[in-house]
PDB file of N, CA and C in Angstrom:
ATOM      1  N   MET A   1       1.933 -10.411   7.755  1.00  0.00           N
ATOM      2  CA  MET A   1       0.485 -10.476   7.686  1.00  0.00           C
ATOM      3  C   MET A   1      -0.110  -9.613   8.799  1.00  0.00           C
ATOM      4  N   ILE A   2      -1.030  -8.782   8.384  1.00  0.00           N
ATOM      5  CA  ILE A   2      -1.724  -7.917   9.329  1.00  0.00           C
ATOM      6  C   ILE A   2      -3.233  -8.050   9.097  1.00  0.00           C
ATOM      7  N   PRO A   3      -4.045  -7.787  10.092  1.00  0.00           N
ATOM      8  CA  PRO A   3      -5.496  -7.954   9.930  1.00  0.00           C
ATOM      9  C   PRO A   3      -6.068  -7.106   8.802  1.00  0.00           C
ATOM     10  N   GLU A   4      -5.460  -5.961   8.538  1.00  0.00           N
ATOM     11  CA  GLU A   4      -5.974  -5.077   7.495  1.00  0.00           C
ATOM     12  C   GLU A   4      -5.833  -5.675   6.097  1.00  0.00           C
ATOM     13  N   LEU A   5      -4.948  -6.660   5.929  1.00  0.00           N
ATOM     14  CA  LEU A   5      -4.786  -7.293   4.617  1.00  0.00           C
ATOM     15  C   LEU A   5      -6.051  -8.039   4.191  1.00  0.00           C
ATOM     16  N   PRO A   6      -6.525  -9.041   4.945  1.00  0.00           N
ATOM     17  CA  PRO A   6      -7.752  -9.706   4.497  1.00  0.00           C
ATOM     18  C   PRO A   6      -8.969  -8.786   4.511  1.00  0.00           C
ATOM     19  N   ILE A   7      -8.987  -7.821   5.416  1.00  0.00           N
ATOM     20  CA  ILE A   7     -10.099  -6.867   5.444  1.00  0.00           C
ATOM     21  C   ILE A   7     -10.138  -6.088   4.131  1.00  0.00           C
ATOM     22  N   SER A   8      -8.999  -5.604   3.684  1.00  0.00           N
ATOM     23  CA  SER A   8      -8.923  -4.841   2.436  1.00  0.00           C
ATOM     24  C   SER A   8      -9.243  -5.714   1.229  1.00  0.00           C
ATOM     25  N   MET A   9      -8.754  -6.952   1.237  1.00  0.00           N
ATOM     26  CA  MET A   9      -9.029  -7.866   0.126  1.00  0.00           C
ATOM     27  C   MET A   9     -10.527  -8.163   0.029  1.00  0.00           C
ATOM     28  N   LEU A  10     -11.143  -8.455   1.162  1.00  0.00           N
ATOM     29  CA  LEU A  10     -12.568  -8.761   1.158  1.00  0.00           C
ATOM     30  C   LEU A  10     -13.410  -7.542   0.786  1.00  0.00           C
ATOM     31  N   ALA A  11     -12.983  -6.368   1.241  1.00  0.00           N
ATOM     32  CA  ALA A  11     -13.700  -5.139   0.884  1.00  0.00           C
ATOM     33  C   ALA A  11     -13.612  -4.892  -0.614  1.00  0.00           C
ATOM     34  N   SER A  12     -12.444  -5.101  -1.202  1.00  0.00           N
ATOM     35  CA  SER A  12     -12.280  -4.935  -2.652  1.00  0.00           C
ATOM     36  C   SER A  12     -13.179  -5.898  -3.408  1.00  0.00           C
ATOM     37  N   ALA A  13     -13.182  -7.141  -2.971  1.00  0.00           N
ATOM     38  CA  ALA A  13     -14.023  -8.146  -3.631  1.00  0.00           C
ATOM     39  C   ALA A  13     -15.501  -7.783  -3.499  1.00  0.00           C
ATOM     40  N   ARG A  14     -15.890  -7.310  -2.335  1.00  0.00           N
ATOM     41  CA  ARG A  14     -17.286  -6.928  -2.105  1.00  0.00           C
ATOM     42  C   ARG A  14     -17.716  -5.783  -3.026  1.00  0.00           C
ATOM     43  N   LEU A  15     -16.776  -4.854  -3.278  1.00  0.00           N
ATOM     44  CA  LEU A  15     -17.061  -3.726  -4.170  1.00  0.00           C
ATOM     45  C   LEU A  15     -17.012  -4.126  -5.642  1.00  0.00           C
ATOM     46  N   GLY A  16     -16.481  -5.305  -5.901  1.00  0.00           N
ATOM     47  CA  GLY A  16     -16.316  -5.738  -7.279  1.00  0.00           C
ATOM     48  C   GLY A  16     -15.046  -5.210  -7.911  1.00  0.00           C
ATOM     49  N   ALA A  17     -14.154  -4.668  -7.098  1.00  0.00           N
ATOM     50  CA  ALA A  17     -12.886  -4.131  -7.590  1.00  0.00           C
ATOM     51  C   ALA A  17     -11.843  -5.251  -7.648  1.00  0.00           C
ATOM     52  N   LEU A  18     -11.011  -5.190  -8.645  1.00  0.00           N
ATOM     53  CA  LEU A  18      -9.909  -6.151  -8.735  1.00  0.00           C
ATOM     54  C   LEU A  18      -8.838  -5.767  -7.740  1.00  0.00           C
ATOM     55  N   HIS A  19      -8.141  -6.755  -7.222  1.00  0.00           N
ATOM     56  CA  HIS A  19      -7.037  -6.477  -6.321  1.00  0.00           C
ATOM     57  C   HIS A  19      -5.919  -7.478  -6.568  1.00  0.00           C
ATOM     58  N   SER A  20      -4.745  -7.082  -6.190  1.00  0.00           N
ATOM     59  CA  SER A  20      -3.573  -7.941  -6.323  1.00  0.00           C
ATOM     60  C   SER A  20      -2.734  -7.775  -5.066  1.00  0.00           C
ATOM     61  N   VAL A  21      -2.352  -8.873  -4.463  1.00  0.00           N
ATOM     62  CA  VAL A  21      -1.529  -8.827  -3.262  1.00  0.00           C
ATOM     63  C   VAL A  21      -0.070  -8.795  -3.690  1.00  0.00           C
ATOM     64  N   ILE A  22       0.677  -7.863  -3.133  1.00  0.00           N
ATOM     65  CA  ILE A  22       2.100  -7.721  -3.447  1.00  0.00           C
ATOM     66  C   ILE A  22       2.882  -8.103  -2.197  1.00  0.00           C
ATOM     67  N   PHE A  23       3.759  -9.076  -2.346  1.00  0.00           N
ATOM     68  CA  PHE A  23       4.578  -9.589  -1.250  1.00  0.00           C
ATOM     69  C   PHE A  23       5.475  -8.492  -0.676  1.00  0.00           C
ATOM     70  N   ALA A  24       5.607  -8.447   0.636  1.00  0.00           N
ATOM     71  CA  ALA A  24       6.388  -7.410   1.309  1.00  0.00           C
ATOM     72  C   ALA A  24       7.869  -7.441   0.944  1.00  0.00           C
ATOM     73  N   GLY A  25       8.361  -8.557   0.421  1.00  0.00           N
ATOM     74  CA  GLY A  25       9.771  -8.652   0.070  1.00  0.00           C
ATOM     75  C   GLY A  25      10.100  -8.157  -1.329  1.00  0.00           C
ATOM     76  N   PHE A  26       9.105  -7.665  -2.071  1.00  0.00           N
ATOM     77  CA  PHE A  26       9.350  -7.197  -3.432  1.00  0.00           C
ATOM     78  C   PHE A  26      10.150  -5.903  -3.430  1.00  0.00           C
ATOM     79  N   THR A  27      10.936  -5.731  -4.478  1.00  0.00           N
ATOM     80  CA  THR A  27      11.677  -4.480  -4.668  1.00  0.00           C
ATOM     81  C   THR A  27      10.729  -3.424  -5.213  1.00  0.00           C
ATOM     82  N   ALA A  28      11.185  -2.181  -5.206  1.00  0.00           N
ATOM     83  CA  ALA A  28      10.379  -1.091  -5.752  1.00  0.00           C
ATOM     84  C   ALA A  28      10.068  -1.335  -7.229  1.00  0.00           C
ATOM     85  N   GLN A  29      11.027  -1.861  -7.966  1.00  0.00           N
ATOM     86  CA  GLN A  29      10.805  -2.118  -9.393  1.00  0.00           C
ATOM     87  C   GLN A  29       9.743  -3.208  -9.601  1.00  0.00           C
ATOM     88  N   ALA A  30       9.760  -4.243  -8.770  1.00  0.00           N
ATOM     89  CA  ALA A  30       8.760  -5.312  -8.871  1.00  0.00           C
ATOM     90  C   ALA A  30       7.369  -4.779  -8.536  1.00  0.00           C
ATOM     91  N   VAL A  31       7.289  -3.919  -7.530  1.00  0.00           N
ATOM     92  CA  VAL A  31       6.006  -3.309  -7.175  1.00  0.00           C
ATOM     93  C   VAL A  31       5.521  -2.436  -8.329  1.00  0.00           C
ATOM     94  N   ALA A  32       6.410  -1.616  -8.885  1.00  0.00           N
ATOM     95  CA  ALA A  32       6.046  -0.736  -9.998  1.00  0.00           C
ATOM     96  C   ALA A  32       5.542  -1.541 -11.189  1.00  0.00           C
ATOM     97  N   SER A  33       6.180  -2.639 -11.481  1.00  0.00           N
ATOM     98  CA  SER A  33       5.769  -3.487 -12.597  1.00  0.00           C
ATOM     99  C   SER A  33       4.342  -3.995 -12.401  1.00  0.00           C
ATOM    100  N   ARG A  34       4.031  -4.453 -11.205  1.00  0.00           N
ATOM    101  CA  ARG A  34       2.693  -4.969 -10.931  1.00  0.00           C
ATOM    102  C   ARG A  34       1.640  -3.862 -10.937  1.00  0.00           C
ATOM    103  N   VAL A  35       2.006  -2.705 -10.407  1.00  0.00           N
ATOM    104  CA  VAL A  35       1.076  -1.570 -10.408  1.00  0.00           C
ATOM    105  C   VAL A  35       0.793  -1.137 -11.848  1.00  0.00           C
ATOM    106  N   ASN A  36       1.833  -1.067 -12.665  1.00  0.00           N
ATOM    107  CA  ASN A  36       1.648  -0.670 -14.068  1.00  0.00           C
ATOM    108  C   ASN A  36       0.837  -1.704 -14.841  1.00  0.00           C
ATOM    109  N   ASP A  37       1.134  -2.982 -14.629  1.00  0.00           N
ATOM    110  CA  ASP A  37       0.411  -4.043 -15.339  1.00  0.00           C
ATOM    111  C   ASP A  37      -1.074  -4.048 -15.000  1.00  0.00           C
ATOM    112  N   SER A  38      -1.402  -3.751 -13.755  1.00  0.00           N
ATOM    113  CA  SER A  38      -2.794  -3.804 -13.315  1.00  0.00           C
ATOM    114  C   SER A  38      -3.525  -2.468 -13.459  1.00  0.00           C
ATOM    115  N   ARG A  39      -2.778  -1.434 -13.816  1.00  0.00           N
ATOM    116  CA  ARG A  39      -3.335  -0.078 -13.927  1.00  0.00           C
ATOM    117  C   ARG A  39      -4.055   0.333 -12.638  1.00  0.00           C
ATOM    118  N   SER A  40      -3.396   0.067 -11.539  1.00  0.00           N
ATOM    119  CA  SER A  40      -3.962   0.354 -10.214  1.00  0.00           C
ATOM    120  C   SER A  40      -4.147   1.851  -9.991  1.00  0.00           C
ATOM    121  N   LYS A  41      -5.116   2.170  -9.157  1.00  0.00           N
ATOM    122  CA  LYS A  41      -5.365   3.554  -8.776  1.00  0.00           C
ATOM    123  C   LYS A  41      -5.097   3.787  -7.294  1.00  0.00           C
ATOM    124  N   ILE A  42      -5.158   2.700  -6.506  1.00  0.00           N
ATOM    125  CA  ILE A  42      -4.954   2.799  -5.066  1.00  0.00           C
ATOM    126  C   ILE A  42      -3.952   1.725  -4.641  1.00  0.00           C
ATOM    127  N   VAL A  43      -3.023   2.106  -3.777  1.00  0.00           N
ATOM    128  CA  VAL A  43      -2.086   1.150  -3.172  1.00  0.00           C
ATOM    129  C   VAL A  43      -2.325   1.191  -1.665  1.00  0.00           C
ATOM    130  N   ILE A  44      -2.425   0.029  -1.068  1.00  0.00           N
ATOM    131  CA  ILE A  44      -2.540  -0.066   0.386  1.00  0.00           C
ATOM    132  C   ILE A  44      -1.246  -0.686   0.884  1.00  0.00           C
ATOM    133  N   THR A  45      -0.576  -0.008   1.786  1.00  0.00           N
ATOM    134  CA  THR A  45       0.685  -0.493   2.338  1.00  0.00           C
ATOM    135  C   THR A  45       0.698  -0.201   3.834  1.00  0.00           C
ATOM    136  N   SER A  46       1.789  -0.514   4.481  1.00  0.00           N
ATOM    137  CA  SER A  46       1.945  -0.152   5.890  1.00  0.00           C
ATOM    138  C   SER A  46       3.261   0.585   6.057  1.00  0.00           C
ATOM    139  N   ASP A  47       3.411   1.201   7.212  1.00  0.00           N
ATOM    140  CA  ASP A  47       4.652   1.932   7.461  1.00  0.00           C
ATOM    141  C   ASP A  47       5.834   0.980   7.585  1.00  0.00           C
ATOM    142  N   GLY A  48       5.578  -0.248   7.985  1.00  0.00           N
ATOM    143  CA  GLY A  48       6.642  -1.237   8.097  1.00  0.00           C
ATOM    144  C   GLY A  48       6.087  -2.592   8.491  1.00  0.00           C
ATOM    145  N   ALA A  49       6.916  -3.599   8.310  1.00  0.00           N
ATOM    146  CA  ALA A  49       6.534  -4.967   8.670  1.00  0.00           C
ATOM    147  C   ALA A  49       7.720  -5.637   9.350  1.00  0.00           C
ATOM    148  N   CYS A  50       7.438  -6.518  10.280  1.00  0.00           N
ATOM    149  CA  CYS A  50       8.486  -7.242  10.990  1.00  0.00           C
ATOM    150  C   CYS A  50       8.734  -8.583  10.308  1.00  0.00           C
ATOM    151  N   ARG A  51       9.957  -8.807   9.890  1.00  0.00           N
ATOM    152  CA  ARG A  51      10.367 -10.072   9.279  1.00  0.00           C
ATOM    153  C   ARG A  51      11.704 -10.487   9.876  1.00  0.00           C
ATOM    154  N   LYS A  52      11.727 -11.657  10.472  1.00  0.00           N
ATOM    155  CA  LYS A  52      12.946 -12.207  11.076  1.00  0.00           C
ATOM    156  C   LYS A  52      13.587 -11.233  12.058  1.00  0.00           C
ATOM    157  N   GLY A  53      12.760 -10.567  12.831  1.00  0.00           N
ATOM    158  CA  GLY A  53      13.256  -9.660  13.856  1.00  0.00           C
ATOM    159  C   GLY A  53      13.678  -8.296  13.348  1.00  0.00           C
ATOM    160  N   LYS A  54      13.533  -8.041  12.057  1.00  0.00           N
ATOM    161  CA  LYS A  54      13.889  -6.745  11.482  1.00  0.00           C
ATOM    162  C   LYS A  54      12.636  -6.061  10.962  1.00  0.00           C
ATOM    163  N   ILE A  55      12.679  -4.746  10.949  1.00  0.00           N
ATOM    164  CA  ILE A  55      11.575  -3.973  10.381  1.00  0.00           C
ATOM    165  C   ILE A  55      11.908  -3.686   8.918  1.00  0.00           C
ATOM    166  N   ILE A  56      11.006  -4.101   8.030  1.00  0.00           N
ATOM    167  CA  ILE A  56      11.120  -3.757   6.616  1.00  0.00           C
ATOM    168  C   ILE A  56      10.272  -2.516   6.412  1.00  0.00           C
ATOM    169  N   GLU A  57      10.872  -1.451   5.931  1.00  0.00           N
ATOM    170  CA  GLU A  57      10.161  -0.200   5.721  1.00  0.00           C
ATOM    171  C   GLU A  57       9.424  -0.262   4.388  1.00  0.00           C
ATOM    172  N   LEU A  58       8.131  -0.507   4.436  1.00  0.00           N
ATOM    173  CA  LEU A  58       7.333  -0.711   3.233  1.00  0.00           C
ATOM    174  C   LEU A  58       6.904   0.580   2.552  1.00  0.00           C
ATOM    175  N   LYS A  59       6.599   1.604   3.304  1.00  0.00           N
ATOM    176  CA  LYS A  59       6.148   2.862   2.688  1.00  0.00           C
ATOM    177  C   LYS A  59       7.225   3.466   1.798  1.00  0.00           C
ATOM    178  N   PRO A  60       8.488   3.514   2.206  1.00  0.00           N
ATOM    179  CA  PRO A  60       9.517   4.035   1.297  1.00  0.00           C
ATOM    180  C   PRO A  60       9.661   3.199   0.016  1.00  0.00           C
ATOM    181  N   ILE A  61       9.451   1.896   0.111  1.00  0.00           N
ATOM    182  CA  ILE A  61       9.488   1.048  -1.090  1.00  0.00           C
ATOM    183  C   ILE A  61       8.336   1.432  -2.016  1.00  0.00           C
ATOM    184  N   ALA A  62       7.160   1.628  -1.444  1.00  0.00           N
ATOM    185  CA  ALA A  62       6.005   2.040  -2.246  1.00  0.00           C
ATOM    186  C   ALA A  62       6.252   3.407  -2.887  1.00  0.00           C
ATOM    187  N   ASP A  63       6.803   4.351  -2.123  1.00  0.00           N
ATOM    188  CA  ASP A  63       7.103   5.681  -2.667  1.00  0.00           C
ATOM    189  C   ASP A  63       8.068   5.587  -3.847  1.00  0.00           C
ATOM    190  N   GLU A  64       9.097   4.784  -3.710  1.00  0.00           N
ATOM    191  CA  GLU A  64      10.073   4.610  -4.789  1.00  0.00           C
ATOM    192  C   GLU A  64       9.427   3.959  -6.007  1.00  0.00           C
ATOM    193  N   ALA A  65       8.581   2.982  -5.771  1.00  0.00           N
ATOM    194  CA  ALA A  65       7.898   2.302  -6.872  1.00  0.00           C
ATOM    195  C   ALA A  65       7.002   3.263  -7.642  1.00  0.00           C
ATOM    196  N   LEU A  66       6.332   4.144  -6.926  1.00  0.00           N
ATOM    197  CA  LEU A  66       5.382   5.028  -7.582  1.00  0.00           C
ATOM    198  C   LEU A  66       6.046   6.113  -8.423  1.00  0.00           C
ATOM    199  N   LYS A  67       7.330   6.292  -8.264  1.00  0.00           N
ATOM    200  CA  LYS A  67       8.068   7.191  -9.162  1.00  0.00           C
ATOM    201  C   LYS A  67       8.125   6.615 -10.570  1.00  0.00           C
ATOM    202  N   GLN A  68       7.922   5.301 -10.684  1.00  0.00           N
ATOM    203  CA  GLN A  68       7.996   4.604 -11.960  1.00  0.00           C
ATOM    204  C   GLN A  68       6.611   4.247 -12.498  1.00  0.00           C
ATOM    205  N   THR A  69       5.563   4.830 -11.916  1.00  0.00           N
ATOM    206  CA  THR A  69       4.201   4.484 -12.316  1.00  0.00           C
ATOM    207  C   THR A  69       3.402   5.742 -12.634  1.00  0.00           C
ATOM    208  N   ALA A  70       2.260   5.528 -13.237  1.00  0.00           N
ATOM    209  CA  ALA A  70       1.307   6.614 -13.475  1.00  0.00           C
ATOM    210  C   ALA A  70      -0.077   6.096 -13.100  1.00  0.00           C
ATOM    211  N   GLY A  71      -0.912   6.961 -12.651  1.00  0.00           N
ATOM    212  CA  GLY A  71      -2.284   6.560 -12.381  1.00  0.00           C
ATOM    213  C   GLY A  71      -2.630   6.330 -10.929  1.00  0.00           C
ATOM    214  N   ILE A  72      -1.658   6.262 -10.050  1.00  0.00           N
ATOM    215  CA  ILE A  72      -1.970   6.061  -8.632  1.00  0.00           C
ATOM    216  C   ILE A  72      -2.544   7.364  -8.072  1.00  0.00           C
ATOM    217  N   GLU A  73      -3.743   7.251  -7.520  1.00  0.00           N
ATOM    218  CA  GLU A  73      -4.412   8.420  -6.966  1.00  0.00           C
ATOM    219  C   GLU A  73      -4.243   8.517  -5.449  1.00  0.00           C
ATOM    220  N   LYS A  74      -4.203   7.371  -4.783  1.00  0.00           N
ATOM    221  CA  LYS A  74      -4.111   7.350  -3.320  1.00  0.00           C
ATOM    222  C   LYS A  74      -3.214   6.214  -2.853  1.00  0.00           C
ATOM    223  N   ILE A  75      -2.501   6.465  -1.762  1.00  0.00           N
ATOM    224  CA  ILE A  75      -1.804   5.419  -1.017  1.00  0.00           C
ATOM    225  C   ILE A  75      -2.417   5.425   0.376  1.00  0.00           C
ATOM    226  N   VAL A  76      -2.955   4.303   0.768  1.00  0.00           N
ATOM    227  CA  VAL A  76      -3.517   4.134   2.100  1.00  0.00           C
ATOM    228  C   VAL A  76      -2.442   3.445   2.935  1.00  0.00           C
ATOM    229  N   VAL A  77      -2.069   4.069   4.047  1.00  0.00           N
ATOM    230  CA  VAL A  77      -0.978   3.566   4.880  1.00  0.00           C
ATOM    231  C   VAL A  77      -1.515   3.068   6.219  1.00  0.00           C
ATOM    232  N   VAL A  78      -1.265   1.811   6.501  1.00  0.00           N
ATOM    233  CA  VAL A  78      -1.660   1.208   7.768  1.00  0.00           C
ATOM    234  C   VAL A  78      -0.537   1.436   8.778  1.00  0.00           C
ATOM    235  N   ARG A  79      -0.877   1.941   9.929  1.00  0.00           N
ATOM    236  CA  ARG A  79       0.119   2.127  10.987  1.00  0.00           C
ATOM    237  C   ARG A  79       0.380   0.770  11.631  1.00  0.00           C
ATOM    238  N   ARG A  80       1.601   0.296  11.523  1.00  0.00           N
ATOM    239  CA  ARG A  80       1.941  -1.022  12.060  1.00  0.00           C
ATOM    240  C   ARG A  80       3.174  -0.972  12.949  1.00  0.00           C
ATOM    241  N   SER A  81       4.260  -0.396  12.425  1.00  0.00           N
ATOM    242  CA  SER A  81       5.528  -0.420  13.161  1.00  0.00           C
ATOM    243  C   SER A  81       5.880   0.930  13.773  1.00  0.00           C
ATOM    244  N   ASN A  82       5.062   1.929  13.501  1.00  0.00           N
ATOM    245  CA  ASN A  82       5.303   3.290  13.992  1.00  0.00           C
ATOM    246  C   ASN A  82       6.632   3.873  13.524  1.00  0.00           C
ATOM    247  N   ASN A  83       7.105   3.425  12.352  1.00  0.00           N
ATOM    248  CA  ASN A  83       8.297   4.026  11.753  1.00  0.00           C
ATOM    249  C   ASN A  83       7.975   5.444  11.320  1.00  0.00           C
ATOM    250  N   PRO A  84       8.946   6.338  11.441  1.00  0.00           N
ATOM    251  CA  PRO A  84       8.711   7.671  10.871  1.00  0.00           C
ATOM    252  C   PRO A  84       8.720   7.550   9.345  1.00  0.00           C
ATOM    253  N   ILE A  85       7.684   8.068   8.700  1.00  0.00           N
ATOM    254  CA  ILE A  85       7.590   7.991   7.244  1.00  0.00           C
ATOM    255  C   ILE A  85       7.192   9.350   6.685  1.00  0.00           C
ATOM    256  N   THR A  86       7.369   9.504   5.398  1.00  0.00           N
ATOM    257  CA  THR A  86       6.974  10.722   4.716  1.00  0.00           C
ATOM    258  C   THR A  86       5.624  10.500   4.052  1.00  0.00           C
ATOM    259  N   MET A  87       4.691  11.380   4.347  1.00  0.00           N
ATOM    260  CA  MET A  87       3.364  11.329   3.739  1.00  0.00           C
ATOM    261  C   MET A  87       3.270  12.469   2.728  1.00  0.00           C
ATOM    262  N   THR A  88       2.733  12.168   1.554  1.00  0.00           N
ATOM    263  CA  THR A  88       2.551  13.162   0.506  1.00  0.00           C
ATOM    264  C   THR A  88       1.135  13.717   0.589  1.00  0.00           C
ATOM    265  N   ASP A  89       1.024  15.025   0.795  1.00  0.00           N
ATOM    266  CA  ASP A  89      -0.291  15.666   0.912  1.00  0.00           C
ATOM    267  C   ASP A  89      -1.111  15.439  -0.351  1.00  0.00           C
ATOM    268  N   GLY A  90      -2.370  15.114  -0.152  1.00  0.00           N
ATOM    269  CA  GLY A  90      -3.279  14.920  -1.261  1.00  0.00           C
ATOM    270  C   GLY A  90      -3.263  13.518  -1.846  1.00  0.00           C
ATOM    271  N   ARG A  91      -2.200  12.761  -1.596  1.00  0.00           N
ATOM    272  CA  ARG A  91      -2.106  11.400  -2.129  1.00  0.00           C
ATOM    273  C   ARG A  91      -2.159  10.362  -1.014  1.00  0.00           C
ATOM    274  N   ASP A  92      -1.407  10.547   0.048  1.00  0.00           N
ATOM    275  CA  ASP A  92      -1.282   9.553   1.113  1.00  0.00           C
ATOM    276  C   ASP A  92      -2.270   9.836   2.239  1.00  0.00           C
ATOM    277  N   ILE A  93      -2.919   8.763   2.688  1.00  0.00           N
ATOM    278  CA  ILE A  93      -3.831   8.889   3.822  1.00  0.00           C
ATOM    279  C   ILE A  93      -3.590   7.724   4.786  1.00  0.00           C
ATOM    280  N   TRP A  94      -3.786   7.996   6.052  1.00  0.00           N
ATOM    281  CA  TRP A  94      -3.676   6.952   7.059  1.00  0.00           C
ATOM    282  C   TRP A  94      -4.941   6.101   7.046  1.00  0.00           C
ATOM    283  N   TYR A  95      -4.763   4.810   7.133  1.00  0.00           N
ATOM    284  CA  TYR A  95      -5.884   3.864   7.178  1.00  0.00           C
ATOM    285  C   TYR A  95      -6.801   4.165   8.361  1.00  0.00           C
ATOM    286  N   HIS A  96      -6.197   4.394   9.528  1.00  0.00           N
ATOM    287  CA  HIS A  96      -7.000   4.596  10.734  1.00  0.00           C
ATOM    288  C   HIS A  96      -7.694   5.952  10.776  1.00  0.00           C
ATOM    289  N   LYS A  97      -7.324   6.867   9.892  1.00  0.00           N
ATOM    290  CA  LYS A  97      -7.952   8.185   9.855  1.00  0.00           C
ATOM    291  C   LYS A  97      -8.789   8.392   8.600  1.00  0.00           C
ATOM    292  N   SER A  98      -8.744   7.427   7.692  1.00  0.00           N
ATOM    293  CA  SER A  98      -9.386   7.610   6.388  1.00  0.00           C
ATOM    294  C   SER A  98     -10.894   7.455   6.466  1.00  0.00           C
ATOM    295  N   PRO A  99     -11.573   8.113   5.537  1.00  0.00           N
ATOM    296  CA  PRO A  99     -13.014   7.855   5.445  1.00  0.00           C
ATOM    297  C   PRO A  99     -13.215   6.418   4.992  1.00  0.00           C
ATOM    298  N   ARG A 100     -14.323   5.850   5.278  1.00  0.00           N
ATOM    299  CA  ARG A 100     -14.562   4.446   4.960  1.00  0.00           C
ATOM    300  C   ARG A 100     -14.795   4.216   3.467  1.00  0.00           C
ATOM    301  N   VAL A 101     -15.059   5.267   2.712  1.00  0.00           N
ATOM    302  CA  VAL A 101     -15.237   5.118   1.272  1.00  0.00           C
ATOM    303  C   VAL A 101     -14.153   5.928   0.579  1.00  0.00           C
ATOM    304  N   LEU A 102     -13.317   5.251  -0.217  1.00  0.00           N
ATOM    305  CA  LEU A 102     -12.194   5.916  -0.870  1.00  0.00           C
ATOM    306  C   LEU A 102     -12.483   6.245  -2.324  1.00  0.00           C
ATOM    307  N   VAL A 103     -13.413   5.557  -2.931  1.00  0.00           N
ATOM    308  CA  VAL A 103     -13.680   5.764  -4.355  1.00  0.00           C
ATOM    309  C   VAL A 103     -15.023   6.412  -4.574  1.00  0.00           C
TER     310      VAL A 103
END
């Protein structure tokens, strides 16, 4: 859990946009299934999360999931664990550097 999670959820609700929370322990296939079912256009993730003393690399899971999806226009990445990650130009943006309006 990070502060950006409820902030993003409340912002989505305020805009009238639907949102779905995806558990950090999901596999890439589970994430892809939920993204496809919801016809999502934006995914918000973080570079990593700490669970039981280990860092779970979330951005690579999201990248793998999106190979199995269509329609994602942007991935917003929250800097949390400072893991080195790969950003895709034109699709991936940092949360802390992003404009406040994405749509």
